[in-house]
Structures are given as structure tokens and as C-alpha cells.
Amino acid sequence: MWGRMSKSAAGAAVAAAALLVVMMPAGSAFGTSGTATLTGGTLSMNPPTVVGFAATLNGTAQVAPASQAIDVLDNTGSGLGWNVTLTSTTFTVGANSLSTTATTDTAAAGACDATITCALGTNTAISYPVTIPAAATAPTAIKIQSALAGSGLAGQTWTHTMALAIPAVARAGAYLSTWTYSLVSGP
């Protein structure tokens, strides 16, 4: 009768198992440290390659609009914020030039890049319209976009509406100007 256990032996086995459960304290926990090292990435920008204005001269002063997209990628994880600055040379064709105050940044609207969750930059430090400085040699740049501390994280594109003032007596031609964008960390 090897396969059978007596009632008293079975009762003793159940009592021993119950005793083991009672002897282990309920809710015992053993702590282990977890760590995560997050290394900051880079702060970079993709400015527009060309900002093109077009108008047909008609004997009256005009304003030619153009929009430009500036893609800012703040993967630093610092939360320090950032600024986009812009300066330019005067629009010139041959001996003819437009005013050094001809270009104005009138508005900006931002959105997170596609498939990205971002902390859109808070841009309260700039009041539009902003006149873009110009001269034969580019003068000191001005802020056209900013992200205050705690904002501006991850990829986001800011679309700026630019306006070029064209005087009634402007000469026809393909005017050129060099625009210099910079991206710097900090509010």
C-alpha cells in the first residue's frame, strides 16, 4: 500500500505546511535600487533655405508677404530655453537697394513636429511686428523666436509671416539679401 497515506500522516503534512506559512511574515519586502541615466542630446535648428518675396510694381507702395518655417530641435533635456536670432544684408540689385528697415516679421505660430510630443516654446519675450535689421554688412541680430525656461523641448516648427515693404518708386530687378539665423541656448 505504497500509494496510500494514513489519515494521521496526511493531517501532519497539512499542519506542517500551515506552520511554514505562519512562520513567514506577511508583506515581507526586499528593496532594490533602480537607476536611469538620461544624457542630454543636442540643440539644433533647420532654418529656411530661401525666403522669397514677389510683387508686380504698380506705382504704389506695396507689402509683399512670405512665410518661413524654422524647425527647432531641443533634445538637451535642460529646460533652459532658447532663442532664434536673425540679421540680414540690405536687399540690393546693382546700384538699387530697398530700405534697411524693409523687412518685418509680423507673426509666428508654432506646432510640434509630426509624430513628436513637444513642450512648445513659450514666446512671450517677443512682441510682433519685429523689424529685421539690415545694412551693407549685416548688423547685430535680433530675437525673432524664443522659448522661455521650461519650454521649447523636443522638435517644433515655427512659421513666421514676413513682410517686405516695397516703395512706389522701386526699380525692377531680382534683389538679393543674405539672412543669417542663429540658435542660442537660454531665455
N, C-alpha and C. Protein backbone atom coordinates (compact mmCIF):
# COMPACT_ATOMS: atom_id res chain seq x y z
N MET A 1 0.80 -1.15 0.00
CA MET A 1 0.00 0.00 0.00
C MET A 1 0.86 1.24 0.00
N TRP A 2 1.63 1.23 -0.97
CA TRP A 2 2.57 2.33 -1.09
C TRP A 2 1.93 3.64 -1.51
N GLY A 3 0.90 3.62 -2.20
CA GLY A 3 0.28 4.84 -2.70
C GLY A 3 -0.68 5.46 -1.72
N ARG A 4 -0.90 4.85 -0.58
CA ARG A 4 -1.87 5.40 0.35
C ARG A 4 -1.19 5.94 1.58
N MET A 5 -1.73 7.01 2.10
CA MET A 5 -1.21 7.62 3.31
C MET A 5 -2.30 7.53 4.36
N SER A 6 -1.90 7.30 5.56
CA SER A 6 -2.89 7.23 6.61
C SER A 6 -3.44 8.61 6.90
N LYS A 7 -4.61 8.64 7.51
CA LYS A 7 -5.24 9.92 7.83
C LYS A 7 -4.39 10.72 8.78
N SER A 8 -3.74 10.10 9.68
CA SER A 8 -2.92 10.84 10.63
C SER A 8 -1.67 11.40 9.95
N ALA A 9 -1.08 10.69 9.01
CA ALA A 9 0.10 11.20 8.29
C ALA A 9 -0.30 12.37 7.39
N ALA A 10 -1.46 12.28 6.72
CA ALA A 10 -1.94 13.36 5.86
C ALA A 10 -2.21 14.60 6.70
N GLY A 11 -2.80 14.45 7.86
CA GLY A 11 -3.08 15.59 8.74
C GLY A 11 -1.80 16.24 9.20
N ALA A 12 -0.77 15.47 9.47
CA ALA A 12 0.51 16.01 9.91
C ALA A 12 1.16 16.82 8.78
N ALA A 13 1.03 16.35 7.53
CA ALA A 13 1.61 17.07 6.40
C ALA A 13 0.92 18.41 6.19
N VAL A 14 -0.41 18.47 6.33
CA VAL A 14 -1.15 19.71 6.19
C VAL A 14 -0.77 20.66 7.31
N ALA A 15 -0.63 20.21 8.51
CA ALA A 15 -0.25 21.05 9.65
C ALA A 15 1.14 21.63 9.45
N ALA A 16 2.06 20.83 8.90
CA ALA A 16 3.43 21.30 8.66
C ALA A 16 3.42 22.40 7.60
N ALA A 17 2.63 22.27 6.54
CA ALA A 17 2.54 23.29 5.51
C ALA A 17 1.95 24.57 6.08
N ALA A 18 0.95 24.48 6.91
CA ALA A 18 0.34 25.65 7.54
C ALA A 18 1.34 26.34 8.45
N LEU A 19 2.15 25.56 9.15
CA LEU A 19 3.15 26.13 10.03
C LEU A 19 4.18 26.93 9.23
N LEU A 20 4.56 26.43 8.06
CA LEU A 20 5.51 27.17 7.21
C LEU A 20 4.93 28.51 6.78
N VAL A 21 3.67 28.56 6.42
CA VAL A 21 3.02 29.80 6.01
C VAL A 21 2.98 30.77 7.16
N VAL A 22 2.68 30.31 8.34
CA VAL A 22 2.60 31.16 9.51
C VAL A 22 3.97 31.71 9.88
N MET A 23 5.04 30.93 9.67
CA MET A 23 6.37 31.34 10.07
C MET A 23 6.94 32.43 9.16
N MET A 24 6.49 32.60 7.91
CA MET A 24 6.97 33.65 7.01
C MET A 24 6.14 34.91 7.23
N PRO A 25 6.74 36.03 7.59
CA PRO A 25 5.96 37.25 7.84
C PRO A 25 5.25 37.71 6.57
N ALA A 26 4.00 38.05 6.73
CA ALA A 26 3.22 38.55 5.60
C ALA A 26 3.72 39.94 5.19
N GLY A 27 3.74 40.23 3.89
CA GLY A 27 4.14 41.55 3.41
C GLY A 27 5.63 41.81 3.46
N SER A 28 6.44 40.79 3.56
CA SER A 28 7.89 41.00 3.54
C SER A 28 8.29 41.60 2.21
N ALA A 29 9.18 42.61 2.25
CA ALA A 29 9.64 43.25 1.02
C ALA A 29 11.15 43.36 1.05
N PHE A 30 11.72 43.26 -0.11
CA PHE A 30 13.16 43.38 -0.25
C PHE A 30 13.42 44.50 -1.25
N GLY A 31 14.15 45.55 -0.84
CA GLY A 31 14.38 46.71 -1.69
C GLY A 31 15.56 46.53 -2.63
N THR A 32 15.40 47.07 -3.84
CA THR A 32 16.45 47.09 -4.84
C THR A 32 16.44 48.46 -5.49
N SER A 33 17.61 49.03 -5.69
CA SER A 33 17.70 50.34 -6.34
C SER A 33 17.54 50.21 -7.84
N GLY A 34 16.81 51.17 -8.43
CA GLY A 34 16.71 51.26 -9.88
C GLY A 34 17.31 52.59 -10.31
N THR A 35 18.07 52.59 -11.36
CA THR A 35 18.67 53.83 -11.84
C THR A 35 18.35 54.03 -13.32
N ALA A 36 18.34 55.28 -13.73
CA ALA A 36 18.16 55.64 -15.14
C ALA A 36 19.06 56.82 -15.42
N THR A 37 19.98 56.67 -16.33
CA THR A 37 20.87 57.76 -16.71
C THR A 37 20.41 58.29 -18.05
N LEU A 38 19.95 59.55 -18.06
CA LEU A 38 19.46 60.18 -19.28
C LEU A 38 20.46 61.25 -19.69
N THR A 39 21.09 61.07 -20.81
CA THR A 39 22.09 62.01 -21.30
C THR A 39 21.44 62.97 -22.27
N GLY A 40 21.68 64.25 -22.07
CA GLY A 40 21.09 65.27 -22.93
C GLY A 40 21.62 65.17 -24.35
N GLY A 41 20.75 65.46 -25.30
CA GLY A 41 21.12 65.47 -26.71
C GLY A 41 21.55 66.87 -27.13
N THR A 42 21.21 67.23 -28.35
CA THR A 42 21.68 68.50 -28.91
C THR A 42 20.55 69.51 -29.06
N LEU A 43 20.96 70.76 -29.24
CA LEU A 43 20.07 71.86 -29.59
C LEU A 43 20.43 72.23 -31.02
N SER A 44 19.47 72.12 -31.94
CA SER A 44 19.77 72.41 -33.34
C SER A 44 18.57 73.07 -34.01
N MET A 45 18.82 73.57 -35.21
CA MET A 45 17.78 74.30 -35.94
C MET A 45 17.93 74.03 -37.43
N ASN A 46 16.81 73.98 -38.12
CA ASN A 46 16.77 73.93 -39.57
C ASN A 46 16.06 75.18 -40.04
N PRO A 47 16.83 76.23 -40.40
CA PRO A 47 16.20 77.46 -40.88
C PRO A 47 15.77 77.28 -42.33
N PRO A 48 14.98 78.20 -42.85
CA PRO A 48 14.59 78.11 -44.26
C PRO A 48 15.83 78.30 -45.14
N THR A 49 15.85 77.62 -46.29
CA THR A 49 16.98 77.79 -47.21
C THR A 49 16.81 79.03 -48.07
N VAL A 50 15.57 79.42 -48.34
CA VAL A 50 15.28 80.62 -49.13
C VAL A 50 13.99 81.23 -48.59
N VAL A 51 13.98 82.53 -48.45
CA VAL A 51 12.75 83.26 -48.16
C VAL A 51 12.51 84.15 -49.36
N GLY A 52 11.47 83.82 -50.13
CA GLY A 52 11.24 84.54 -51.38
C GLY A 52 10.04 85.46 -51.33
N PHE A 53 10.26 86.68 -51.75
CA PHE A 53 9.19 87.67 -51.86
C PHE A 53 8.97 87.93 -53.35
N ALA A 54 7.74 88.24 -53.74
CA ALA A 54 7.45 88.58 -55.14
C ALA A 54 6.35 89.63 -55.19
N ALA A 55 6.48 90.55 -56.11
CA ALA A 55 5.46 91.59 -56.31
C ALA A 55 5.60 92.15 -57.72
N THR A 56 4.49 92.65 -58.25
CA THR A 56 4.49 93.34 -59.53
C THR A 56 4.38 94.84 -59.25
N LEU A 57 5.34 95.59 -59.73
CA LEU A 57 5.33 97.03 -59.48
C LEU A 57 4.13 97.66 -60.17
N ASN A 58 3.45 98.59 -59.44
CA ASN A 58 2.25 99.23 -59.99
C ASN A 58 2.18 100.72 -59.68
N GLY A 59 3.28 101.30 -59.25
CA GLY A 59 3.29 102.74 -58.97
C GLY A 59 2.80 103.11 -57.58
N THR A 60 2.44 102.12 -56.77
CA THR A 60 2.04 102.38 -55.38
C THR A 60 2.93 101.59 -54.44
N ALA A 61 3.04 102.05 -53.21
CA ALA A 61 3.80 101.29 -52.20
C ALA A 61 3.06 99.99 -51.92
N GLN A 62 3.82 98.92 -51.76
CA GLN A 62 3.23 97.60 -51.53
C GLN A 62 3.94 96.89 -50.39
N VAL A 63 3.29 95.85 -49.90
CA VAL A 63 3.91 94.95 -48.94
C VAL A 63 3.78 93.54 -49.49
N ALA A 64 4.91 92.89 -49.71
CA ALA A 64 4.91 91.51 -50.22
C ALA A 64 5.10 90.55 -49.04
N PRO A 65 4.17 89.62 -48.84
CA PRO A 65 4.30 88.66 -47.73
C PRO A 65 5.06 87.41 -48.15
N ALA A 66 5.65 86.75 -47.20
CA ALA A 66 6.28 85.43 -47.40
C ALA A 66 6.31 84.74 -46.05
N SER A 67 6.05 83.45 -46.06
CA SER A 67 6.14 82.72 -44.79
C SER A 67 7.41 81.89 -44.81
N GLN A 68 7.92 81.66 -43.63
CA GLN A 68 9.13 80.85 -43.49
C GLN A 68 8.98 79.94 -42.29
N ALA A 69 9.45 78.72 -42.42
CA ALA A 69 9.39 77.75 -41.33
C ALA A 69 10.77 77.56 -40.73
N ILE A 70 10.83 77.61 -39.41
CA ILE A 70 12.07 77.37 -38.67
C ILE A 70 11.82 76.19 -37.76
N ASP A 71 12.56 75.10 -37.99
CA ASP A 71 12.39 73.89 -37.19
C ASP A 71 13.47 73.87 -36.11
N VAL A 72 13.04 73.92 -34.85
CA VAL A 72 13.96 73.90 -33.71
C VAL A 72 13.84 72.55 -33.02
N LEU A 73 15.00 71.94 -32.74
CA LEU A 73 15.05 70.64 -32.09
C LEU A 73 15.84 70.78 -30.80
N ASP A 74 15.13 70.83 -29.66
CA ASP A 74 15.80 70.93 -28.36
C ASP A 74 15.70 69.58 -27.68
N ASN A 75 16.74 68.79 -27.84
CA ASN A 75 16.80 67.47 -27.22
C ASN A 75 17.79 67.45 -26.06
N THR A 76 18.12 68.64 -25.54
CA THR A 76 19.10 68.74 -24.45
C THR A 76 18.55 68.22 -23.13
N GLY A 77 17.23 68.33 -22.95
CA GLY A 77 16.64 67.94 -21.68
C GLY A 77 16.97 68.91 -20.56
N SER A 78 17.54 70.07 -20.88
CA SER A 78 17.95 71.03 -19.85
C SER A 78 16.81 71.93 -19.39
N GLY A 79 15.87 72.22 -20.28
CA GLY A 79 14.79 73.14 -19.94
C GLY A 79 15.25 74.58 -19.81
N LEU A 80 16.44 74.91 -20.35
CA LEU A 80 16.97 76.26 -20.25
C LEU A 80 16.29 77.24 -21.18
N GLY A 81 15.60 76.75 -22.21
CA GLY A 81 15.01 77.61 -23.22
C GLY A 81 16.02 77.91 -24.31
N TRP A 82 15.61 78.69 -25.31
CA TRP A 82 16.48 79.02 -26.44
C TRP A 82 15.96 80.25 -27.16
N ASN A 83 16.77 80.80 -28.05
CA ASN A 83 16.42 81.96 -28.86
C ASN A 83 16.88 81.75 -30.29
N VAL A 84 16.04 82.17 -31.23
CA VAL A 84 16.43 82.23 -32.64
C VAL A 84 16.62 83.71 -32.95
N THR A 85 17.80 84.04 -33.49
CA THR A 85 18.07 85.42 -33.87
C THR A 85 18.25 85.51 -35.38
N LEU A 86 18.04 86.72 -35.92
CA LEU A 86 18.14 86.94 -37.35
C LEU A 86 18.72 88.31 -37.63
N THR A 87 19.58 88.37 -38.62
CA THR A 87 20.06 89.62 -39.17
C THR A 87 20.14 89.44 -40.68
N SER A 88 20.32 90.55 -41.41
CA SER A 88 20.35 90.44 -42.87
C SER A 88 21.17 91.56 -43.48
N THR A 89 21.47 91.37 -44.75
CA THR A 89 22.04 92.47 -45.52
C THR A 89 20.88 93.13 -46.28
N THR A 90 21.12 94.33 -46.75
CA THR A 90 20.10 95.10 -47.47
C THR A 90 19.76 94.40 -48.80
N PHE A 91 18.46 94.36 -49.13
CA PHE A 91 18.05 93.85 -50.44
C PHE A 91 18.60 94.79 -51.51
N THR A 92 19.41 94.25 -52.43
CA THR A 92 20.10 95.07 -53.44
C THR A 92 20.10 94.37 -54.79
N VAL A 93 19.96 95.17 -55.85
CA VAL A 93 20.20 94.72 -57.22
C VAL A 93 20.97 95.83 -57.90
N GLY A 94 22.20 95.53 -58.32
CA GLY A 94 23.05 96.57 -58.91
C GLY A 94 23.24 97.73 -57.95
N ALA A 95 22.94 98.95 -58.40
CA ALA A 95 23.07 100.15 -57.57
C ALA A 95 21.78 100.45 -56.80
N ASN A 96 20.75 99.63 -56.96
CA ASN A 96 19.46 99.88 -56.31
C ASN A 96 19.30 99.02 -55.06
N SER A 97 18.78 99.64 -54.01
CA SER A 97 18.57 98.94 -52.73
C SER A 97 17.21 99.30 -52.16
N LEU A 98 16.67 98.38 -51.38
CA LEU A 98 15.47 98.68 -50.60
C LEU A 98 15.92 99.22 -49.25
N SER A 99 15.01 99.73 -48.49
CA SER A 99 15.31 100.31 -47.18
C SER A 99 15.93 99.26 -46.25
N THR A 100 16.76 99.73 -45.32
CA THR A 100 17.34 98.82 -44.32
C THR A 100 16.29 98.35 -43.31
N THR A 101 15.11 98.94 -43.34
CA THR A 101 14.00 98.52 -42.47
C THR A 101 12.86 97.92 -43.28
N ALA A 102 13.16 97.44 -44.48
CA ALA A 102 12.13 96.95 -45.39
C ALA A 102 11.46 95.66 -44.94
N THR A 103 12.17 94.82 -44.17
CA THR A 103 11.63 93.51 -43.81
C THR A 103 11.16 93.49 -42.37
N THR A 104 9.95 92.99 -42.18
CA THR A 104 9.35 92.89 -40.86
C THR A 104 8.83 91.47 -40.63
N ASP A 105 9.07 90.95 -39.44
CA ASP A 105 8.49 89.67 -39.02
C ASP A 105 7.20 90.03 -38.29
N THR A 106 6.06 89.70 -38.89
CA THR A 106 4.79 90.18 -38.35
C THR A 106 4.10 89.22 -37.38
N ALA A 107 4.39 87.93 -37.46
CA ALA A 107 3.71 86.97 -36.59
C ALA A 107 4.41 85.63 -36.65
N ALA A 108 4.19 84.80 -35.62
CA ALA A 108 4.75 83.45 -35.59
C ALA A 108 3.73 82.51 -34.96
N ALA A 109 3.65 81.31 -35.52
CA ALA A 109 2.78 80.26 -34.98
C ALA A 109 3.57 78.97 -34.92
N GLY A 110 3.47 78.25 -33.81
CA GLY A 110 4.25 77.04 -33.62
C GLY A 110 3.40 75.80 -33.50
N ALA A 111 4.03 74.67 -33.85
CA ALA A 111 3.38 73.37 -33.71
C ALA A 111 4.46 72.32 -33.50
N CYS A 112 4.14 71.29 -32.75
CA CYS A 112 5.07 70.18 -32.57
C CYS A 112 5.29 69.50 -33.91
N ASP A 113 6.52 69.04 -34.15
CA ASP A 113 6.81 68.31 -35.38
C ASP A 113 5.96 67.04 -35.44
N ALA A 114 5.71 66.56 -36.65
CA ALA A 114 4.88 65.36 -36.85
C ALA A 114 5.44 64.20 -36.04
N THR A 115 4.57 63.46 -35.42
CA THR A 115 4.86 62.28 -34.59
C THR A 115 5.73 62.59 -33.37
N ILE A 116 5.82 63.87 -32.98
CA ILE A 116 6.62 64.28 -31.82
C ILE A 116 5.70 64.87 -30.76
N THR A 117 5.96 64.53 -29.51
CA THR A 117 5.31 65.21 -28.40
C THR A 117 6.32 66.23 -27.89
N CYS A 118 5.97 67.50 -27.93
CA CYS A 118 6.92 68.54 -27.53
C CYS A 118 6.31 69.41 -26.44
N ALA A 119 7.16 70.22 -25.84
CA ALA A 119 6.73 71.28 -24.94
C ALA A 119 6.94 72.56 -25.73
N LEU A 120 5.91 72.99 -26.43
CA LEU A 120 6.01 74.13 -27.34
C LEU A 120 6.60 75.34 -26.62
N GLY A 121 7.51 76.03 -27.29
CA GLY A 121 8.18 77.18 -26.71
C GLY A 121 7.21 78.29 -26.37
N THR A 122 7.34 78.84 -25.17
CA THR A 122 6.56 79.99 -24.75
C THR A 122 7.32 81.23 -25.21
N ASN A 123 6.68 82.03 -26.06
CA ASN A 123 7.36 83.11 -26.77
C ASN A 123 6.89 84.49 -26.30
N THR A 124 6.72 84.67 -25.00
CA THR A 124 6.20 85.95 -24.50
C THR A 124 7.24 87.07 -24.52
N ALA A 125 8.51 86.73 -24.77
CA ALA A 125 9.57 87.74 -24.72
C ALA A 125 9.62 88.59 -25.99
N ILE A 126 8.86 88.24 -27.03
CA ILE A 126 8.92 88.97 -28.29
C ILE A 126 7.54 89.51 -28.63
N SER A 127 7.51 90.77 -29.02
CA SER A 127 6.26 91.42 -29.41
C SER A 127 6.34 91.75 -30.90
N TYR A 128 5.46 91.12 -31.68
CA TYR A 128 5.45 91.34 -33.14
C TYR A 128 4.62 92.56 -33.47
N PRO A 129 4.93 93.29 -34.50
CA PRO A 129 5.95 93.05 -35.52
C PRO A 129 7.35 93.43 -35.05
N VAL A 130 8.34 92.75 -35.65
CA VAL A 130 9.75 92.98 -35.36
C VAL A 130 10.44 93.33 -36.67
N THR A 131 11.13 94.46 -36.72
CA THR A 131 11.86 94.85 -37.92
C THR A 131 13.19 94.11 -37.96
N ILE A 132 13.44 93.44 -39.09
CA ILE A 132 14.69 92.69 -39.25
C ILE A 132 15.78 93.68 -39.64
N PRO A 133 16.86 93.73 -38.89
CA PRO A 133 17.92 94.70 -39.20
C PRO A 133 18.63 94.35 -40.50
N ALA A 134 19.01 95.36 -41.24
CA ALA A 134 19.73 95.17 -42.50
C ALA A 134 20.71 96.32 -42.71
N ALA A 135 21.78 96.03 -43.41
CA ALA A 135 22.79 97.02 -43.80
C ALA A 135 23.68 96.35 -44.83
N ALA A 136 24.61 97.11 -45.39
CA ALA A 136 25.53 96.53 -46.37
C ALA A 136 26.30 95.36 -45.75
N THR A 137 26.72 95.53 -44.50
CA THR A 137 27.26 94.44 -43.69
C THR A 137 26.22 94.16 -42.62
N ALA A 138 25.85 92.90 -42.48
CA ALA A 138 24.76 92.56 -41.55
C ALA A 138 25.02 93.12 -40.15
N PRO A 139 24.06 93.87 -39.59
CA PRO A 139 24.21 94.41 -38.23
C PRO A 139 23.91 93.35 -37.17
N THR A 140 23.92 93.78 -35.92
CA THR A 140 23.64 92.88 -34.80
C THR A 140 22.26 92.23 -34.97
N ALA A 141 22.22 90.93 -34.75
CA ALA A 141 20.98 90.17 -34.90
C ALA A 141 20.00 90.49 -33.78
N ILE A 142 18.71 90.27 -34.05
CA ILE A 142 17.66 90.43 -33.05
C ILE A 142 16.94 89.11 -32.87
N LYS A 143 16.26 88.95 -31.72
CA LYS A 143 15.45 87.75 -31.47
C LYS A 143 14.18 87.80 -32.30
N ILE A 144 13.89 86.70 -32.98
CA ILE A 144 12.61 86.60 -33.68
C ILE A 144 11.75 85.46 -33.11
N GLN A 145 12.37 84.60 -32.30
CA GLN A 145 11.65 83.47 -31.70
C GLN A 145 12.37 83.10 -30.42
N SER A 146 11.62 82.75 -29.39
CA SER A 146 12.27 82.31 -28.16
C SER A 146 11.40 81.29 -27.45
N ALA A 147 12.07 80.53 -26.61
CA ALA A 147 11.39 79.60 -25.70
C ALA A 147 11.90 79.93 -24.31
N LEU A 148 11.01 80.36 -23.46
CA LEU A 148 11.40 80.69 -22.09
C LEU A 148 11.81 79.42 -21.36
N ALA A 149 12.54 79.57 -20.27
CA ALA A 149 12.98 78.42 -19.47
C ALA A 149 11.78 77.54 -19.14
N GLY A 150 11.98 76.25 -19.28
CA GLY A 150 10.92 75.28 -19.01
C GLY A 150 10.05 74.97 -20.21
N SER A 151 10.31 75.61 -21.35
CA SER A 151 9.51 75.35 -22.55
C SER A 151 10.45 75.11 -23.73
N GLY A 152 9.87 74.76 -24.86
CA GLY A 152 10.64 74.60 -26.08
C GLY A 152 11.34 73.27 -26.24
N LEU A 153 10.96 72.25 -25.46
CA LEU A 153 11.63 70.96 -25.54
C LEU A 153 11.11 70.11 -26.69
N ALA A 154 12.01 69.38 -27.31
CA ALA A 154 11.77 68.45 -28.42
C ALA A 154 11.57 69.22 -29.73
N GLY A 155 11.13 68.53 -30.78
CA GLY A 155 11.04 69.11 -32.11
C GLY A 155 9.78 69.92 -32.33
N GLN A 156 9.95 71.15 -32.83
CA GLN A 156 8.82 72.03 -33.11
C GLN A 156 9.16 72.96 -34.26
N THR A 157 8.15 73.27 -35.05
CA THR A 157 8.34 74.16 -36.19
C THR A 157 7.56 75.43 -35.96
N TRP A 158 8.25 76.55 -36.16
CA TRP A 158 7.65 77.87 -36.01
C TRP A 158 7.56 78.50 -37.39
N THR A 159 6.35 78.87 -37.80
CA THR A 159 6.14 79.50 -39.09
C THR A 159 5.97 81.00 -38.87
N HIS A 160 6.88 81.75 -39.49
CA HIS A 160 6.88 83.21 -39.36
C HIS A 160 6.31 83.83 -40.63
N THR A 161 5.52 84.87 -40.46
CA THR A 161 5.00 85.63 -41.59
C THR A 161 5.86 86.87 -41.72
N MET A 162 6.57 86.96 -42.84
CA MET A 162 7.46 88.08 -43.09
C MET A 162 6.78 89.03 -44.08
N ALA A 163 7.12 90.31 -44.01
CA ALA A 163 6.57 91.31 -44.91
C ALA A 163 7.71 92.18 -45.43
N LEU A 164 7.74 92.37 -46.73
CA LEU A 164 8.76 93.21 -47.36
C LEU A 164 8.09 94.46 -47.91
N ALA A 165 8.50 95.62 -47.39
CA ALA A 165 7.95 96.90 -47.85
C ALA A 165 8.63 97.30 -49.15
N ILE A 166 7.81 97.53 -50.17
CA ILE A 166 8.31 97.92 -51.49
C ILE A 166 7.80 99.32 -51.79
N PRO A 167 8.71 100.28 -51.98
CA PRO A 167 8.26 101.65 -52.23
C PRO A 167 7.64 101.80 -53.62
N ALA A 168 6.83 102.82 -53.78
CA ALA A 168 6.16 103.07 -55.07
C ALA A 168 7.16 103.30 -56.19
N VAL A 169 8.34 103.81 -55.86
CA VAL A 169 9.35 104.13 -56.89
C VAL A 169 10.45 103.08 -56.98
N ALA A 170 10.19 101.87 -56.51
CA ALA A 170 11.19 100.80 -56.57
C ALA A 170 11.55 100.48 -58.02
N ARG A 171 12.76 100.11 -58.24
CA ARG A 171 13.23 99.68 -59.56
C ARG A 171 13.01 98.17 -59.69
N ALA A 172 12.69 97.73 -60.88
CA ALA A 172 12.50 96.30 -61.14
C ALA A 172 13.85 95.59 -61.06
N GLY A 173 13.83 94.34 -60.69
CA GLY A 173 15.05 93.53 -60.64
C GLY A 173 14.94 92.41 -59.63
N ALA A 174 15.92 91.52 -59.65
CA ALA A 174 15.99 90.40 -58.71
C ALA A 174 16.91 90.80 -57.55
N TYR A 175 16.32 91.36 -56.51
CA TYR A 175 17.06 91.84 -55.35
C TYR A 175 17.55 90.65 -54.52
N LEU A 176 18.74 90.79 -53.96
CA LEU A 176 19.31 89.74 -53.11
C LEU A 176 19.64 90.29 -51.73
N SER A 177 19.49 89.44 -50.75
CA SER A 177 19.83 89.75 -49.36
C SER A 177 20.32 88.46 -48.72
N THR A 178 21.28 88.55 -47.83
CA THR A 178 21.75 87.38 -47.09
C THR A 178 21.17 87.44 -45.68
N TRP A 179 20.47 86.38 -45.31
CA TRP A 179 19.87 86.29 -43.98
C TRP A 179 20.68 85.33 -43.14
N THR A 180 21.00 85.72 -41.91
CA THR A 180 21.79 84.88 -41.02
C THR A 180 20.99 84.58 -39.76
N TYR A 181 20.65 83.29 -39.61
CA TYR A 181 19.93 82.80 -38.43
C TYR A 181 20.92 82.21 -37.45
N SER A 182 20.64 82.37 -36.16
CA SER A 182 21.44 81.72 -35.12
C SER A 182 20.49 81.17 -34.07
N LEU A 183 20.91 80.10 -33.44
CA LEU A 183 20.16 79.48 -32.34
C LEU A 183 21.07 79.42 -31.13
N VAL A 184 20.62 80.02 -30.03
CA VAL A 184 21.42 80.02 -28.81
C VAL A 184 20.58 79.52 -27.64
N SER A 185 21.25 78.88 -26.71
CA SER A 185 20.59 78.37 -25.51
C SER A 185 20.30 79.48 -24.53
N GLY A 186 19.20 79.35 -23.80
CA GLY A 186 18.87 80.30 -22.75
C GLY A 186 17.73 81.22 -23.13
N PRO A 187 17.05 81.73 -22.13
CA PRO A 187 15.90 82.61 -22.41
C PRO A 187 16.29 83.98 -22.96
